[in-house]
């Protein structure tokens, strides 16, 4: 049986901020992935989150995945604008912004900034 495993961090508490975060994130669809980058010329995964939250909602996030990950809690159903962390190969290794409809937006090394479904088998693990 497959079960989705994730950790959620709600770092924005208003629907206005949620909408602004998702709107800002979508402005950068198809921006390429560049390790260590934090601008629309290229984003790594945590650089994308940091940029989007600062520009979209005035929320300052730590720069590293491990520091952002500490803000989360397991087993919480994500709300629009929440950060979702996946434990694909180590705790907190992958993180994304939940945009509703069981989808999230993220900067992936293979596709750059893109939208993915949480139902994709890559985001699930055997237990």
Protein backbone atom coordinates (compact mmCIF):
# COMPACT_ATOMS: atom_id res chain seq x y z
CA UNK A 1 0.00 0.00 0.00
CA UNK A 2 1.25 3.49 -0.81
CA UNK A 3 0.82 6.40 1.55
CA UNK A 4 1.78 10.00 1.00
CA UNK A 5 4.23 11.27 3.59
CA UNK A 6 4.67 14.93 4.14
CA UNK A 7 5.31 17.61 6.70
CA UNK A 8 3.52 20.96 6.46
CA UNK A 9 4.62 24.40 7.62
CA UNK A 10 1.99 27.11 7.77
CA UNK A 11 4.07 30.26 7.81
CA UNK A 12 1.32 32.55 6.58
CA UNK A 13 -1.87 32.96 8.55
CA UNK A 14 -4.20 34.92 6.25
CA UNK A 15 -5.94 34.05 3.00
CA UNK A 16 -4.63 37.31 1.47
CA UNK A 17 -1.06 36.15 2.04
CA UNK A 18 -1.90 32.69 0.73
CA UNK A 19 -3.27 34.12 -2.49
CA UNK A 20 -0.31 36.49 -2.87
CA UNK A 21 2.18 33.66 -2.32
CA UNK A 22 0.57 31.42 -4.95
CA UNK A 23 0.23 34.32 -7.39
CA UNK A 24 3.91 35.25 -6.99
CA UNK A 25 4.97 31.61 -7.38
CA UNK A 26 3.02 31.19 -10.62
CA UNK A 27 4.73 34.25 -12.12
CA UNK A 28 7.90 32.18 -12.23
CA UNK A 29 6.62 29.04 -13.98
CA UNK A 30 9.31 27.58 -16.26
CA UNK A 31 12.18 29.51 -14.64
CA UNK A 32 15.10 27.10 -14.77
CA UNK A 33 16.60 25.36 -11.77
CA UNK A 34 20.05 26.64 -10.80
CA UNK A 35 21.65 25.31 -7.62
CA UNK A 36 22.35 28.08 -5.11
CA UNK A 37 20.27 30.70 -6.94
CA UNK A 38 17.52 32.81 -5.39
CA UNK A 39 16.31 35.05 -8.24
CA UNK A 40 14.03 34.81 -11.30
CA UNK A 41 17.18 34.21 -13.38
CA UNK A 42 17.28 30.77 -11.73
CA UNK A 43 16.09 29.15 -8.49
CA UNK A 44 17.08 26.17 -6.44
CA UNK A 45 14.28 24.66 -4.35
CA UNK A 46 14.77 26.66 -1.15
CA UNK A 47 15.80 29.80 -3.06
CA UNK A 48 12.44 29.69 -4.85
CA UNK A 49 10.55 29.46 -1.56
CA UNK A 50 12.53 32.26 0.04
CA UNK A 51 12.00 34.58 -2.94
CA UNK A 52 8.28 33.83 -3.33
CA UNK A 53 7.43 34.27 0.35
CA UNK A 54 9.37 37.54 0.60
CA UNK A 55 7.96 39.06 -2.60
CA UNK A 56 4.45 37.64 -2.28
CA UNK A 57 3.76 38.15 1.40
CA UNK A 58 6.66 39.90 3.10
CA UNK A 59 7.51 36.71 5.00
CA UNK A 60 11.22 36.05 5.50
CA UNK A 61 12.21 32.39 5.42
CA UNK A 62 15.58 30.92 6.35
CA UNK A 63 17.79 30.16 3.34
CA UNK A 64 18.37 26.46 3.98
CA UNK A 65 16.01 23.52 3.67
CA UNK A 66 16.87 22.25 7.15
CA UNK A 67 15.99 25.56 8.81
CA UNK A 68 12.72 25.89 6.88
CA UNK A 69 11.86 22.26 7.67
CA UNK A 70 12.02 22.92 11.42
CA UNK A 71 8.90 25.11 11.10
CA UNK A 72 6.71 22.18 10.06
CA UNK A 73 4.56 19.53 11.69
CA UNK A 74 3.71 16.03 10.46
CA UNK A 75 0.19 14.98 9.63
CA UNK A 76 -1.37 18.39 9.03
CA UNK A 77 -3.60 18.77 5.98
CA UNK A 78 -2.04 21.52 3.83
CA UNK A 79 -3.87 24.75 3.11
CA UNK A 80 -3.21 26.98 0.09
CA UNK A 81 0.12 28.77 0.56
CA UNK A 82 1.51 26.22 3.03
CA UNK A 83 4.92 24.66 2.56
CA UNK A 84 4.85 20.90 2.04
CA UNK A 85 8.00 18.85 2.69
CA UNK A 86 8.52 15.35 1.32
CA UNK A 87 10.84 12.78 2.79
CA UNK A 88 11.86 11.20 -0.51
CA UNK A 89 15.41 10.30 0.41
CA UNK A 90 16.09 12.18 3.64
CA UNK A 91 13.94 14.17 6.02
CA UNK A 92 12.87 17.50 4.59
CA UNK A 93 14.82 17.07 1.39
CA UNK A 94 12.09 18.31 -0.96
CA UNK A 95 9.74 21.21 -0.35
CA UNK A 96 6.93 22.83 -2.26
CA UNK A 97 4.11 25.38 -1.99
CA UNK A 98 0.62 23.90 -1.84
CA UNK A 99 -1.65 25.68 -4.36
CA UNK A 100 -4.89 23.73 -3.81
CA UNK A 101 -6.56 20.99 -5.81
CA UNK A 102 -4.00 18.48 -4.55
CA UNK A 103 -1.27 20.34 -6.48
CA UNK A 104 1.89 22.20 -5.54
CA UNK A 105 4.41 24.46 -7.22
CA UNK A 106 8.14 23.98 -6.79
CA UNK A 107 11.53 24.35 -8.43
CA UNK A 108 12.72 20.94 -9.53
CA UNK A 109 16.13 20.13 -10.91
CA UNK A 110 14.56 18.44 -13.94
CA UNK A 111 11.75 20.88 -14.85
CA UNK A 112 12.54 24.18 -13.16
CA UNK A 113 9.56 25.95 -11.60
CA UNK A 114 6.57 23.73 -12.32
CA UNK A 115 3.28 22.50 -10.93
CA UNK A 116 2.93 18.86 -9.88
CA UNK A 117 0.21 16.66 -8.47
CA UNK A 118 0.53 15.29 -4.96
CA UNK A 119 -0.93 12.06 -6.39
CA UNK A 120 2.19 11.45 -8.49
CA UNK A 121 3.85 8.21 -7.35
CA UNK A 122 7.19 10.04 -6.87
CA UNK A 123 5.70 11.94 -3.93
CA UNK A 124 4.48 8.79 -2.19
CA UNK A 125 6.41 6.09 -0.37
CA UNK A 126 5.85 2.45 0.52
CA UNK A 127 5.15 1.77 4.17
